[in-house]
PDB file of N, CA and C in Angstrom:
ATOM      1  N   MET A   1       1.245  -1.406   0.092  1.00  0.00           N
ATOM      2  CA  MET A   1      -0.194   0.285  -0.051  1.00  0.00           C
ATOM      3  C   MET A   1       0.797   0.995   0.022  1.00  0.00           C
ATOM      4  N   LYS A   2       1.748   1.193   0.765  1.00  0.00           N
ATOM      5  CA  LYS A   2       3.272   2.384   0.881  1.00  0.00           C
ATOM      6  C   LYS A   2       2.925   2.769  -0.509  1.00  0.00           C
ATOM      7  N   TYR A   3       4.146   1.850  -1.735  1.00  0.00           N
ATOM      8  CA  TYR A   3       3.779   2.076  -2.976  1.00  0.00           C
ATOM      9  C   TYR A   3       2.993   3.027  -3.647  1.00  0.00           C
ATOM     10  N   PHE A   4       2.266   2.477  -3.297  1.00  0.00           N
ATOM     11  CA  PHE A   4       1.086   3.363  -4.248  1.00  0.00           C
ATOM     12  C   PHE A   4       0.737   4.484  -3.592  1.00  0.00           C
ATOM     13  N   MET A   5       1.010   5.012  -2.575  1.00  0.00           N
ATOM     14  CA  MET A   5       1.799   6.055  -2.561  1.00  0.00           C
ATOM     15  C   MET A   5       2.622   7.609  -3.107  1.00  0.00           C
ATOM     16  N   LEU A   6       3.387   6.462  -3.435  1.00  0.00           N
ATOM     17  CA  LEU A   6       4.709   7.019  -3.999  1.00  0.00           C
ATOM     18  C   LEU A   6       4.635   7.484  -5.343  1.00  0.00           C
ATOM     19  N   LEU A   7       4.106   6.546  -6.370  1.00  0.00           N
ATOM     20  CA  LEU A   7       3.597   6.656  -6.912  1.00  0.00           C
ATOM     21  C   LEU A   7       3.185   8.478  -7.627  1.00  0.00           C
ATOM     22  N   PRO A   8       2.837   9.273  -7.354  1.00  0.00           N
ATOM     23  CA  PRO A   8       2.478  10.375  -7.732  1.00  0.00           C
ATOM     24  C   PRO A   8       3.697  10.934  -7.778  1.00  0.00           C
ATOM     25  N   LEU A   9       3.740  10.743  -6.236  1.00  0.00           N
ATOM     26  CA  LEU A   9       5.536  11.965  -6.318  1.00  0.00           C
ATOM     27  C   LEU A   9       6.423  11.215  -6.939  1.00  0.00           C
ATOM     28  N   LEU A  10       6.920  10.400  -7.686  1.00  0.00           N
ATOM     29  CA  LEU A  10       7.754   9.320  -8.127  1.00  0.00           C
ATOM     30  C   LEU A  10       7.823  10.241  -9.940  1.00  0.00           C
ATOM     31  N   PHE A  11       5.741  10.559 -10.022  1.00  0.00           N
ATOM     32  CA  PHE A  11       5.500  10.837 -11.790  1.00  0.00           C
ATOM     33  C   PHE A  11       6.084  11.972 -11.158  1.00  0.00           C
ATOM     34  N   LEU A  12       6.302  12.989 -10.151  1.00  0.00           N
ATOM     35  CA  LEU A  12       5.838  14.423 -10.598  1.00  0.00           C
ATOM     36  C   LEU A  12       7.597  15.082 -10.340  1.00  0.00           C
ATOM     37  N   ILE A  13       8.325  14.149 -10.053  1.00  0.00           N
ATOM     38  CA  ILE A  13       9.366  13.880  -9.512  1.00  0.00           C
ATOM     39  C   ILE A  13      10.830  13.761 -10.988  1.00  0.00           C
ATOM     40  N   SER A  14       9.974  12.734 -11.953  1.00  0.00           N
ATOM     41  CA  SER A  14      10.690  12.301 -13.454  1.00  0.00           C
ATOM     42  C   SER A  14      10.227  13.370 -14.403  1.00  0.00           C
ATOM     43  N   CYS A  15       9.248  13.965 -13.880  1.00  0.00           N
ATOM     44  CA  CYS A  15       9.279  15.121 -14.882  1.00  0.00           C
ATOM     45  C   CYS A  15       9.668  16.283 -14.916  1.00  0.00           C
ATOM     46  N   ALA A  16       9.838  16.706 -13.483  1.00  0.00           N
ATOM     47  CA  ALA A  16      10.395  17.992 -13.004  1.00  0.00           C
ATOM     48  C   ALA A  16      12.513  17.440 -13.853  1.00  0.00           C
ATOM     49  N   SER A  17      12.658  16.656 -13.584  1.00  0.00           N
ATOM     50  CA  SER A  17      13.809  16.130 -13.917  1.00  0.00           C
ATOM     51  C   SER A  17      14.053  16.060 -15.459  1.00  0.00           C
ATOM     52  N   SER A  18      12.849  15.766 -16.217  1.00  0.00           N
ATOM     53  CA  SER A  18      13.530  15.485 -17.608  1.00  0.00           C
ATOM     54  C   SER A  18      14.056  17.210 -18.432  1.00  0.00           C
ATOM     55  N   GLY A  19      13.244  18.347 -17.220  1.00  0.00           N
ATOM     56  CA  GLY A  19      14.294  19.652 -17.981  1.00  0.00           C
ATOM     57  C   GLY A  19      13.242  20.174 -19.469  1.00  0.00           C
ATOM     58  N   ILE A  20      12.037  19.630 -19.265  1.00  0.00           N
ATOM     59  CA  ILE A  20      10.850  19.753 -20.549  1.00  0.00           C
ATOM     60  C   ILE A  20      10.110  20.659 -20.444  1.00  0.00           C
ATOM     61  N   MET A  21       9.745  21.938 -20.461  1.00  0.00           N
ATOM     62  CA  MET A  21       9.005  22.987 -19.841  1.00  0.00           C
ATOM     63  C   MET A  21       7.533  22.622 -20.797  1.00  0.00           C
ATOM     64  N   VAL A  22       6.073  22.221 -20.420  1.00  0.00           N
ATOM     65  CA  VAL A  22       5.079  21.603 -21.326  1.00  0.00           C
ATOM     66  C   VAL A  22       4.379  22.875 -21.135  1.00  0.00           C
ATOM     67  N   LEU A  23       3.391  23.639 -22.330  1.00  0.00           N
ATOM     68  CA  LEU A  23       3.108  24.561 -22.679  1.00  0.00           C
ATOM     69  C   LEU A  23       1.629  24.075 -23.167  1.00  0.00           C
ATOM     70  N   SER A  24       0.546  24.498 -22.977  1.00  0.00           N
ATOM     71  CA  SER A  24      -0.700  23.928 -24.211  1.00  0.00           C
ATOM     72  C   SER A  24      -1.834  25.160 -24.123  1.00  0.00           C
ATOM     73  N   ASP A  25      -3.069  24.832 -24.934  1.00  0.00           N
ATOM     74  CA  ASP A  25      -3.763  26.367 -25.111  1.00  0.00           C
ATOM     75  C   ASP A  25      -3.949  27.234 -23.975  1.00  0.00           C
ATOM     76  N   GLN A  26      -3.801  26.796 -22.472  1.00  0.00           N
ATOM     77  CA  GLN A  26      -4.029  27.636 -21.371  1.00  0.00           C
ATOM     78  C   GLN A  26      -2.932  28.452 -21.676  1.00  0.00           C
ATOM     79  N   ASN A  27      -2.205  28.520 -22.146  1.00  0.00           N
ATOM     80  CA  ASN A  27      -1.145  29.006 -21.686  1.00  0.00           C
ATOM     81  C   ASN A  27      -0.761  30.360 -23.010  1.00  0.00           C
ATOM     82  N   ASN A  28      -2.120  30.359 -23.440  1.00  0.00           N
ATOM     83  CA  ASN A  28      -1.991  31.442 -24.682  1.00  0.00           C
ATOM     84  C   ASN A  28      -1.977  32.758 -24.305  1.00  0.00           C
ATOM     85  N   ASN A  29      -1.260  33.506 -24.779  1.00  0.00           N
ATOM     86  CA  ASN A  29      -0.637  34.765 -24.152  1.00  0.00           C
ATOM     87  C   ASN A  29      -0.398  35.026 -22.951  1.00  0.00           C
ATOM     88  N   SER A  30       0.400  33.990 -22.912  1.00  0.00           N
ATOM     89  CA  SER A  30       1.359  34.273 -21.206  1.00  0.00           C
ATOM     90  C   SER A  30       2.572  34.528 -22.202  1.00  0.00           C
ATOM     91  N   GLU A  31       3.686  34.820 -20.734  1.00  0.00           N
ATOM     92  CA  GLU A  31       5.282  35.259 -20.607  1.00  0.00           C
ATOM     93  C   GLU A  31       5.955  34.372 -19.836  1.00  0.00           C
ATOM     94  N   VAL A  32       6.435  33.877 -20.442  1.00  0.00           N
ATOM     95  CA  VAL A  32       7.589  32.871 -19.837  1.00  0.00           C
ATOM     96  C   VAL A  32       8.863  32.750 -20.054  1.00  0.00           C
ATOM     97  N   THR A  33       9.887  32.942 -18.449  1.00  0.00           N
ATOM     98  CA  THR A  33      11.194  33.156 -18.669  1.00  0.00           C
ATOM     99  C   THR A  33      11.772  31.841 -17.852  1.00  0.00           C
ATOM    100  N   LEU A  34      13.029  31.806 -19.298  1.00  0.00           N
ATOM    101  CA  LEU A  34      13.515  30.774 -18.861  1.00  0.00           C
ATOM    102  C   LEU A  34      14.872  30.653 -19.283  1.00  0.00           C
ATOM    103  N   THR A  35      16.150  29.783 -19.089  1.00  0.00           N
ATOM    104  CA  THR A  35      17.420  29.731 -19.277  1.00  0.00           C
ATOM    105  C   THR A  35      18.127  29.550 -20.488  1.00  0.00           C
ATOM    106  N   SER A  36      19.137  29.575 -21.151  1.00  0.00           N
ATOM    107  CA  SER A  36      19.548  29.383 -22.475  1.00  0.00           C
ATOM    108  C   SER A  36      19.542  27.614 -22.159  1.00  0.00           C
ATOM    109  N   GLY A  37      19.029  26.802 -23.680  1.00  0.00           N
ATOM    110  CA  GLY A  37      19.005  25.286 -23.262  1.00  0.00           C
ATOM    111  C   GLY A  37      18.503  24.651 -23.038  1.00  0.00           C
ATOM    112  N   GLU A  38      17.091  24.864 -21.834  1.00  0.00           N
ATOM    113  CA  GLU A  38      16.564  24.853 -21.952  1.00  0.00           C
ATOM    114  C   GLU A  38      15.244  24.766 -23.227  1.00  0.00           C
ATOM    115  N   ARG A  39      14.625  23.174 -22.775  1.00  0.00           N
ATOM    116  CA  ARG A  39      13.827  22.764 -24.142  1.00  0.00           C
ATOM    117  C   ARG A  39      12.203  22.989 -23.423  1.00  0.00           C
ATOM    118  N   ILE A  40      11.610  23.185 -24.617  1.00  0.00           N
ATOM    119  CA  ILE A  40       9.900  23.610 -25.326  1.00  0.00           C
ATOM    120  C   ILE A  40       9.397  22.424 -25.805  1.00  0.00           C
ATOM    121  N   LYS A  41       8.022  22.150 -24.689  1.00  0.00           N
ATOM    122  CA  LYS A  41       6.863  21.177 -25.550  1.00  0.00           C
ATOM    123  C   LYS A  41       5.415  21.804 -25.347  1.00  0.00           C
ATOM    124  N   ILE A  42       5.087  22.457 -27.225  1.00  0.00           N
ATOM    125  CA  ILE A  42       4.263  22.924 -26.919  1.00  0.00           C
ATOM    126  C   ILE A  42       3.208  21.777 -27.358  1.00  0.00           C
ATOM    127  N   GLU A  43       1.560  21.445 -27.026  1.00  0.00           N
ATOM    128  CA  GLU A  43       1.201  21.342 -27.171  1.00  0.00           C
ATOM    129  C   GLU A  43      -0.266  21.371 -27.154  1.00  0.00           C
ATOM    130  N   LEU A  44      -0.976  21.787 -29.113  1.00  0.00           N
ATOM    131  CA  LEU A  44      -2.596  21.925 -28.942  1.00  0.00           C
ATOM    132  C   LEU A  44      -3.406  21.876 -29.354  1.00  0.00           C
ATOM    133  N   THR A  45      -4.636  22.000 -29.360  1.00  0.00           N
ATOM    134  CA  THR A  45      -5.610  21.350 -29.877  1.00  0.00           C
ATOM    135  C   THR A  45      -5.635  21.170 -31.014  1.00  0.00           C
ATOM    136  N   SER A  46      -5.981  20.361 -31.507  1.00  0.00           N
ATOM    137  CA  SER A  46      -5.736  20.350 -33.805  1.00  0.00           C
ATOM    138  C   SER A  46      -6.880  19.544 -34.204  1.00  0.00           C
ATOM    139  N   ASN A  47      -7.266  19.904 -35.039  1.00  0.00           N
ATOM    140  CA  ASN A  47      -8.118  18.474 -35.732  1.00  0.00           C
ATOM    141  C   ASN A  47      -7.667  18.413 -37.373  1.00  0.00           C
ATOM    142  N   PRO A  48      -6.307  17.669 -37.417  1.00  0.00           N
ATOM    143  CA  PRO A  48      -6.080  17.945 -38.958  1.00  0.00           C
ATOM    144  C   PRO A  48      -6.965  16.936 -40.096  1.00  0.00           C
ATOM    145  N   SER A  49      -8.100  16.336 -39.638  1.00  0.00           N
ATOM    146  CA  SER A  49      -8.612  15.584 -40.693  1.00  0.00           C
ATOM    147  C   SER A  49      -9.629  16.777 -41.775  1.00  0.00           C
ATOM    148  N   THR A  50     -10.304  18.422 -40.968  1.00  0.00           N
ATOM    149  CA  THR A  50     -10.175  18.946 -41.013  1.00  0.00           C
ATOM    150  C   THR A  50      -9.746  20.066 -42.056  1.00  0.00           C
ATOM    151  N   GLY A  51      -8.441  20.187 -42.487  1.00  0.00           N
ATOM    152  CA  GLY A  51      -7.566  20.318 -43.142  1.00  0.00           C
ATOM    153  C   GLY A  51      -6.361  21.428 -42.292  1.00  0.00           C
ATOM    154  N   TYR A  52      -6.956  22.033 -40.723  1.00  0.00           N
ATOM    155  CA  TYR A  52      -6.288  22.521 -40.383  1.00  0.00           C
ATOM    156  C   TYR A  52      -5.583  22.284 -38.884  1.00  0.00           C
ATOM    157  N   GLN A  53      -4.081  23.109 -38.963  1.00  0.00           N
ATOM    158  CA  GLN A  53      -2.858  22.376 -38.469  1.00  0.00           C
ATOM    159  C   GLN A  53      -2.753  23.835 -38.106  1.00  0.00           C
ATOM    160  N   TRP A  54      -1.899  24.090 -37.028  1.00  0.00           N
ATOM    161  CA  TRP A  54      -1.210  25.265 -35.934  1.00  0.00           C
ATOM    162  C   TRP A  54       0.074  25.393 -37.605  1.00  0.00           C
ATOM    163  N   ILE A  55       0.424  26.664 -37.107  1.00  0.00           N
ATOM    164  CA  ILE A  55       1.806  26.377 -37.810  1.00  0.00           C
ATOM    165  C   ILE A  55       2.259  27.764 -37.568  1.00  0.00           C
ATOM    166  N   LEU A  56       3.928  27.569 -37.270  1.00  0.00           N
ATOM    167  CA  LEU A  56       4.498  28.952 -36.812  1.00  0.00           C
ATOM    168  C   LEU A  56       4.978  30.112 -38.257  1.00  0.00           C
ATOM    169  N   SER A  57       4.639  30.691 -37.710  1.00  0.00           N
ATOM    170  CA  SER A  57       4.094  32.305 -38.326  1.00  0.00           C
ATOM    171  C   SER A  57       5.840  33.421 -37.540  1.00  0.00           C
ATOM    172  N   SER A  58       5.636  33.095 -36.667  1.00  0.00           N
ATOM    173  CA  SER A  58       7.553  34.372 -35.917  1.00  0.00           C
ATOM    174  C   SER A  58       7.611  33.542 -35.049  1.00  0.00           C
ATOM    175  N   VAL A  59       8.721  33.421 -34.500  1.00  0.00           N
ATOM    176  CA  VAL A  59      10.081  33.895 -33.831  1.00  0.00           C
ATOM    177  C   VAL A  59      10.953  34.554 -34.575  1.00  0.00           C
ATOM    178  N   ASP A  60      11.655  34.764 -33.362  1.00  0.00           N
ATOM    179  CA  ASP A  60      13.340  35.243 -32.962  1.00  0.00           C
ATOM    180  C   ASP A  60      14.697  34.199 -33.089  1.00  0.00           C
ATOM    181  N   GLU A  61      14.727  32.859 -33.919  1.00  0.00           N
ATOM    182  CA  GLU A  61      15.527  31.836 -34.085  1.00  0.00           C
ATOM    183  C   GLU A  61      16.755  32.171 -33.953  1.00  0.00           C
ATOM    184  N   ASP A  62      17.672  33.494 -33.421  1.00  0.00           N
ATOM    185  CA  ASP A  62      18.495  33.568 -32.274  1.00  0.00           C
ATOM    186  C   ASP A  62      18.346  33.050 -30.905  1.00  0.00           C
ATOM    187  N   VAL A  63      17.177  33.456 -30.705  1.00  0.00           N
ATOM    188  CA  VAL A  63      16.423  32.935 -28.736  1.00  0.00           C
ATOM    189  C   VAL A  63      16.253  31.824 -28.875  1.00  0.00           C
ATOM    190  N   LEU A  64      15.693  31.322 -30.236  1.00  0.00           N
ATOM    191  CA  LEU A  64      14.763  30.141 -29.781  1.00  0.00           C
ATOM    192  C   LEU A  64      14.340  29.364 -31.111  1.00  0.00           C
ATOM    193  N   GLN A  65      14.754  27.968 -30.981  1.00  0.00           N
ATOM    194  CA  GLN A  65      14.784  27.276 -32.669  1.00  0.00           C
ATOM    195  C   GLN A  65      13.986  25.975 -32.516  1.00  0.00           C
ATOM    196  N   GLN A  66      13.007  26.172 -33.336  1.00  0.00           N
ATOM    197  CA  GLN A  66      12.145  24.985 -33.239  1.00  0.00           C
ATOM    198  C   GLN A  66      12.889  23.576 -33.559  1.00  0.00           C
ATOM    199  N   ILE A  67      12.488  21.600 -32.531  1.00  0.00           N
ATOM    200  CA  ILE A  67      14.005  21.427 -33.121  1.00  0.00           C
ATOM    201  C   ILE A  67      12.465  20.233 -33.816  1.00  0.00           C
ATOM    202  N   GLY A  68      12.744  19.769 -35.017  1.00  0.00           N
ATOM    203  CA  GLY A  68      12.117  19.141 -36.256  1.00  0.00           C
ATOM    204  C   GLY A  68      11.483  19.805 -36.781  1.00  0.00           C
ATOM    205  N   GLU A  69      10.166  18.630 -36.931  1.00  0.00           N
ATOM    206  CA  GLU A  69       8.640  19.327 -37.796  1.00  0.00           C
ATOM    207  C   GLU A  69       7.987  18.947 -36.549  1.00  0.00           C
ATOM    208  N   SER A  70       6.566  19.317 -36.590  1.00  0.00           N
ATOM    209  CA  SER A  70       5.333  19.554 -35.501  1.00  0.00           C
ATOM    210  C   SER A  70       5.162  17.724 -35.698  1.00  0.00           C
ATOM    211  N   ASP A  71       4.304  17.485 -35.023  1.00  0.00           N
ATOM    212  CA  ASP A  71       4.127  15.990 -35.134  1.00  0.00           C
ATOM    213  C   ASP A  71       2.690  16.174 -34.420  1.00  0.00           C
ATOM    214  N   PHE A  72       1.810  14.687 -34.036  1.00  0.00           N
ATOM    215  CA  PHE A  72       0.200  14.687 -33.720  1.00  0.00           C
ATOM    216  C   PHE A  72       0.423  13.697 -32.970  1.00  0.00           C
ATOM    217  N   GLU A  73      -0.736  13.850 -31.922  1.00  0.00           N
ATOM    218  CA  GLU A  73      -0.873  12.535 -31.046  1.00  0.00           C
ATOM    219  C   GLU A  73      -1.819  12.575 -31.329  1.00  0.00           C
ATOM    220  N   GLN A  74      -2.592  11.639 -31.092  1.00  0.00           N
ATOM    221  CA  GLN A  74      -3.733  10.769 -30.894  1.00  0.00           C
ATOM    222  C   GLN A  74      -4.492  11.441 -29.578  1.00  0.00           C
ATOM    223  N   GLU A  75      -5.609  11.873 -29.192  1.00  0.00           N
ATOM    224  CA  GLU A  75      -6.327  11.500 -28.008  1.00  0.00           C
ATOM    225  C   GLU A  75      -7.260  10.636 -27.894  1.00  0.00           C
ATOM    226  N   THR A  76      -7.688  10.053 -28.735  1.00  0.00           N
ATOM    227  CA  THR A  76      -8.737   9.083 -29.003  1.00  0.00           C
ATOM    228  C   THR A  76      -8.271   8.312 -30.346  1.00  0.00           C
ATOM    229  N   GLY A  77      -9.211   6.794 -30.223  1.00  0.00           N
ATOM    230  CA  GLY A  77      -8.849   5.452 -31.342  1.00  0.00           C
ATOM    231  C   GLY A  77      -9.955   5.982 -32.690  1.00  0.00           C
ATOM    232  N   LEU A  78     -10.654   7.249 -32.059  1.00  0.00           N
ATOM    233  CA  LEU A  78     -11.424   7.486 -32.927  1.00  0.00           C
ATOM    234  C   LEU A  78     -11.167   8.526 -34.694  1.00  0.00           C
ATOM    235  N   LEU A  79     -11.801   8.452 -35.312  1.00  0.00           N
ATOM    236  CA  LEU A  79     -11.003   8.530 -37.136  1.00  0.00           C
ATOM    237  C   LEU A  79     -11.742  10.243 -36.898  1.00  0.00           C
ATOM    238  N   GLY A  80     -11.204  11.497 -37.353  1.00  0.00           N
ATOM    239  CA  GLY A  80     -11.909  12.908 -37.168  1.00  0.00           C
ATOM    240  C   GLY A  80     -12.059  13.297 -36.028  1.00  0.00           C
ATOM    241  N   ALA A  81     -11.664  12.668 -34.899  1.00  0.00           N
ATOM    242  CA  ALA A  81     -11.405  13.140 -34.002  1.00  0.00           C
ATOM    243  C   ALA A  81     -10.054  14.147 -33.347  1.00  0.00           C
ATOM    244  N   PRO A  82     -10.824  15.465 -32.648  1.00  0.00           N
ATOM    245  CA  PRO A  82      -8.831  15.977 -32.370  1.00  0.00           C
ATOM    246  C   PRO A  82      -8.042  15.722 -32.035  1.00  0.00           C
ATOM    247  N   GLN A  83      -7.099  16.166 -31.973  1.00  0.00           N
ATOM    248  CA  GLN A  83      -5.518  15.620 -31.967  1.00  0.00           C
ATOM    249  C   GLN A  83      -5.050  17.192 -30.868  1.00  0.00           C
ATOM    250  N   ARG A  84      -3.376  16.722 -30.448  1.00  0.00           N
ATOM    251  CA  ARG A  84      -2.636  17.197 -29.750  1.00  0.00           C
ATOM    252  C   ARG A  84      -1.360  16.845 -30.882  1.00  0.00           C
ATOM    253  N   GLN A  85      -1.175  18.325 -31.313  1.00  0.00           N
ATOM    254  CA  GLN A  85       0.091  19.175 -32.961  1.00  0.00           C
ATOM    255  C   GLN A  85       0.493  19.180 -31.127  1.00  0.00           C
ATOM    256  N   ILE A  86       1.917  18.803 -31.397  1.00  0.00           N
ATOM    257  CA  ILE A  86       3.365  18.824 -30.228  1.00  0.00           C
ATOM    258  C   ILE A  86       3.788  19.463 -31.424  1.00  0.00           C
ATOM    259  N   PHE A  87       5.190  20.748 -30.671  1.00  0.00           N
ATOM    260  CA  PHE A  87       5.843  22.064 -31.683  1.00  0.00           C
ATOM    261  C   PHE A  87       7.127  21.734 -30.184  1.00  0.00           C
ATOM    262  N   MET A  88       8.373  21.163 -30.909  1.00  0.00           N
ATOM    263  CA  MET A  88       9.237  21.182 -29.872  1.00  0.00           C
ATOM    264  C   MET A  88      10.167  22.356 -30.038  1.00  0.00           C
ATOM    265  N   PHE A  89      10.818  22.903 -29.171  1.00  0.00           N
ATOM    266  CA  PHE A  89      11.777  24.373 -29.369  1.00  0.00           C
ATOM    267  C   PHE A  89      12.780  23.944 -27.996  1.00  0.00           C
ATOM    268  N   LYS A  90      13.855  24.894 -28.798  1.00  0.00           N
ATOM    269  CA  LYS A  90      15.077  25.134 -27.326  1.00  0.00           C
ATOM    270  C   LYS A  90      15.375  26.267 -27.488  1.00  0.00           C
ATOM    271  N   THR A  91      16.061  27.338 -26.163  1.00  0.00           N
ATOM    272  CA  THR A  91      16.215  28.643 -25.876  1.00  0.00           C
ATOM    273  C   THR A  91      17.387  28.168 -26.659  1.00  0.00           C
ATOM    274  N   ILE A  92      18.272  28.971 -27.178  1.00  0.00           N
ATOM    275  CA  ILE A  92      19.172  29.065 -27.982  1.00  0.00           C
ATOM    276  C   ILE A  92      20.590  30.217 -26.926  1.00  0.00           C
ATOM    277  N   ASN A  93      20.061  31.054 -27.395  1.00  0.00           N
ATOM    278  CA  ASN A  93      20.746  32.470 -26.572  1.00  0.00           C
ATOM    279  C   ASN A  93      20.149  33.391 -25.463  1.00  0.00           C
ATOM    280  N   SER A  94      20.173  34.203 -24.607  1.00  0.00           N
ATOM    281  CA  SER A  94      19.271  35.371 -24.095  1.00  0.00           C
ATOM    282  C   SER A  94      18.842  36.381 -24.981  1.00  0.00           C
ATOM    283  N   GLY A  95      17.888  36.914 -24.539  1.00  0.00           N
ATOM    284  CA  GLY A  95      16.692  37.799 -25.312  1.00  0.00           C
ATOM    285  C   GLY A  95      15.430  37.564 -24.759  1.00  0.00           C
ATOM    286  N   SER A  96      14.929  37.570 -25.850  1.00  0.00           N
ATOM    287  CA  SER A  96      13.510  37.891 -25.500  1.00  0.00           C
ATOM    288  C   SER A  96      12.678  37.550 -27.223  1.00  0.00           C
ATOM    289  N   THR A  97      12.311  36.926 -27.038  1.00  0.00           N
ATOM    290  CA  THR A  97      10.853  36.647 -28.649  1.00  0.00           C
ATOM    291  C   THR A  97       9.559  36.877 -27.989  1.00  0.00           C
ATOM    292  N   ASN A  98       8.817  37.031 -29.370  1.00  0.00           N
ATOM    293  CA  ASN A  98       7.570  36.515 -29.535  1.00  0.00           C
ATOM    294  C   ASN A  98       6.826  35.190 -30.472  1.00  0.00           C
ATOM    295  N   LEU A  99       6.187  34.025 -29.941  1.00  0.00           N
ATOM    296  CA  LEU A  99       6.329  32.549 -30.602  1.00  0.00           C
ATOM    297  C   LEU A  99       4.738  32.807 -31.059  1.00  0.00           C
ATOM    298  N   ILE A 100       4.462  32.478 -32.457  1.00  0.00           N
ATOM    299  CA  ILE A 100       3.252  32.900 -32.963  1.00  0.00           C
ATOM    300  C   ILE A 100       2.828  31.874 -33.728  1.00  0.00           C
ATOM    301  N   LEU A 101       1.826  31.352 -33.424  1.00  0.00           N
ATOM    302  CA  LEU A 101       1.532  29.699 -34.399  1.00  0.00           C
ATOM    303  C   LEU A 101       0.210  30.162 -34.445  1.00  0.00           C
ATOM    304  N   TYR A 102      -0.173  30.527 -36.022  1.00  0.00           N
ATOM    305  CA  TYR A 102      -1.389  30.389 -36.664  1.00  0.00           C
ATOM    306  C   TYR A 102      -2.104  28.615 -36.545  1.00  0.00           C
ATOM    307  N   TYR A 103      -3.360  29.282 -36.775  1.00  0.00           N
ATOM    308  CA  TYR A 103      -4.317  28.022 -36.945  1.00  0.00           C
ATOM    309  C   TYR A 103      -5.239  27.964 -38.300  1.00  0.00           C
ATOM    310  N   LEU A 104      -4.419  26.888 -39.192  1.00  0.00           N
ATOM    311  CA  LEU A 104      -5.279  27.526 -40.380  1.00  0.00           C
ATOM    312  C   LEU A 104      -5.349  26.085 -41.496  1.00  0.00           C
ATOM    313  N   ARG A 105      -6.278  26.251 -42.944  1.00  0.00           N
ATOM    314  CA  ARG A 105      -5.414  25.632 -43.727  1.00  0.00           C
ATOM    315  C   ARG A 105      -4.075  25.423 -44.615  1.00  0.00           C
ATOM    316  N   PRO A 106      -3.092  25.200 -44.754  1.00  0.00           N
ATOM    317  CA  PRO A 106      -1.835  26.387 -45.123  1.00  0.00           C
ATOM    318  C   PRO A 106      -2.671  26.721 -46.951  1.00  0.00           C
ATOM    319  N   TRP A 107      -3.323  25.838 -47.751  1.00  0.00           N
ATOM    320  CA  TRP A 107      -3.523  26.682 -48.836  1.00  0.00           C
ATOM    321  C   TRP A 107      -4.635  27.296 -49.091  1.00  0.00           C
ATOM    322  N   GLU A 108      -5.115  27.760 -47.766  1.00  0.00           N
ATOM    323  CA  GLU A 108      -6.056  28.460 -47.933  1.00  0.00           C
ATOM    324  C   GLU A 108      -5.532  30.107 -47.586  1.00  0.00           C
ATOM    325  N   SER A 109      -4.309  30.043 -48.266  1.00  0.00           N
ATOM    326  CA  SER A 109      -3.731  31.766 -48.550  1.00  0.00           C
ATOM    327  C   SER A 109      -4.286  33.428 -47.980  1.00  0.00           C
ATOM    328  N   GLU A 110      -5.530  33.376 -48.908  1.00  0.00           N
ATOM    329  CA  GLU A 110      -6.771  34.458 -48.527  1.00  0.00           C
ATOM    330  C   GLU A 110      -7.127  34.446 -47.070  1.00  0.00           C
ATOM    331  N   GLN A 111      -6.859  33.484 -46.687  1.00  0.00           N
ATOM    332  CA  GLN A 111      -8.507  33.259 -45.628  1.00  0.00           C
ATOM    333  C   GLN A 111      -6.992  33.814 -44.296  1.00  0.00           C
ATOM    334  N   SER A 112      -8.342  34.777 -43.419  1.00  0.00           N
ATOM    335  CA  SER A 112      -7.476  34.601 -41.447  1.00  0.00           C
ATOM    336  C   SER A 112      -7.489  33.295 -41.085  1.00  0.00           C
ATOM    337  N   PRO A 113      -6.600  33.531 -40.193  1.00  0.00           N
ATOM    338  CA  PRO A 113      -6.363  31.869 -38.974  1.00  0.00           C
ATOM    339  C   PRO A 113      -7.665  32.332 -38.535  1.00  0.00           C
ATOM    340  N   GLN A 114      -8.082  30.787 -37.721  1.00  0.00           N
ATOM    341  CA  GLN A 114      -9.366  30.337 -37.464  1.00  0.00           C
ATOM    342  C   GLN A 114      -8.924  30.731 -35.926  1.00  0.00           C
ATOM    343  N   ASP A 115      -7.418  31.206 -35.472  1.00  0.00           N
ATOM    344  CA  ASP A 115      -6.928  31.029 -33.525  1.00  0.00           C
ATOM    345  C   ASP A 115      -5.841  31.646 -34.069  1.00  0.00           C
ATOM    346  N   THR A 116      -4.896  31.612 -32.992  1.00  0.00           N
ATOM    347  CA  THR A 116      -3.785  32.335 -32.566  1.00  0.00           C
ATOM    348  C   THR A 116      -3.214  32.335 -31.240  1.00  0.00           C
ATOM    349  N   PHE A 117      -1.971  31.355 -31.092  1.00  0.00           N
ATOM    350  CA  PHE A 117      -1.131  30.525 -29.629  1.00  0.00           C
ATOM    351  C   PHE A 117      -0.065  31.630 -29.807  1.00  0.00           C
ATOM    352  N   GLN A 118       0.250  32.792 -28.776  1.00  0.00           N
ATOM    353  CA  GLN A 118       1.085  33.464 -28.488  1.00  0.00           C
ATOM    354  C   GLN A 118       1.655  33.544 -27.343  1.00  0.00           C
ATOM    355  N   VAL A 119       2.986  33.484 -26.947  1.00  0.00           N
ATOM    356  CA  VAL A 119       3.139  33.276 -25.809  1.00  0.00           C
ATOM    357  C   VAL A 119       5.224  33.809 -26.212  1.00  0.00           C
ATOM    358  N   LYS A 120       5.266  34.983 -25.162  1.00  0.00           N
ATOM    359  CA  LYS A 120       6.486  35.890 -24.976  1.00  0.00           C
ATOM    360  C   LYS A 120       7.493  35.430 -24.279  1.00  0.00           C
ATOM    361  N   PHE A 121       8.527  34.353 -25.297  1.00  0.00           N
ATOM    362  CA  PHE A 121      10.063  34.028 -24.384  1.00  0.00           C
ATOM    363  C   PHE A 121      10.809  34.468 -23.662  1.00  0.00           C
ATOM    364  N   ILE A 122      11.280  34.612 -21.929  1.00  0.00           N
ATOM    365  CA  ILE A 122      12.596  36.101 -22.172  1.00  0.00           C
ATOM    366  C   ILE A 122      13.580  35.146 -21.803  1.00  0.00           C
ATOM    367  N   VAL A 123      14.291  34.876 -22.442  1.00  0.00           N
ATOM    368  CA  VAL A 123      15.660  34.026 -22.114  1.00  0.00           C
ATOM    369  C   VAL A 123      16.722  34.707 -21.693  1.00  0.00           C
ATOM    370  N   ARG A 124      16.946  34.109 -20.241  1.00  0.00           N
ATOM    371  CA  ARG A 124      18.137  34.468 -19.246  1.00  0.00           C
ATOM    372  C   ARG A 124      19.010  34.088 -19.788  1.00  0.00           C
TER     373      ARG A 124
END
């Protein structure tokens, strides 16, 4: 019985030691302060079956660089259900940058984004 009470504590310790800050939809329009070399994982609700996806619009790559391409994680096994679109970034140098992601259909260049995700990063 004692071991089951330790599991949540072990989970929290493993997340903290991973060194990855996780941001989601709830962090929209926030400000985050980090140090150089930290990693950031951004998980946003997306529904790629509709053609919509999050596209990186703006970031100062001297301060924050994207690691690889974004990826999708299914929340359920249902076809057409919303998914999580995952972006990975790493802080490079001190400074500040506004990261802006647009939720849109990439081929509809004349249309305004359906949504915007923005976070100001301050790297010390």
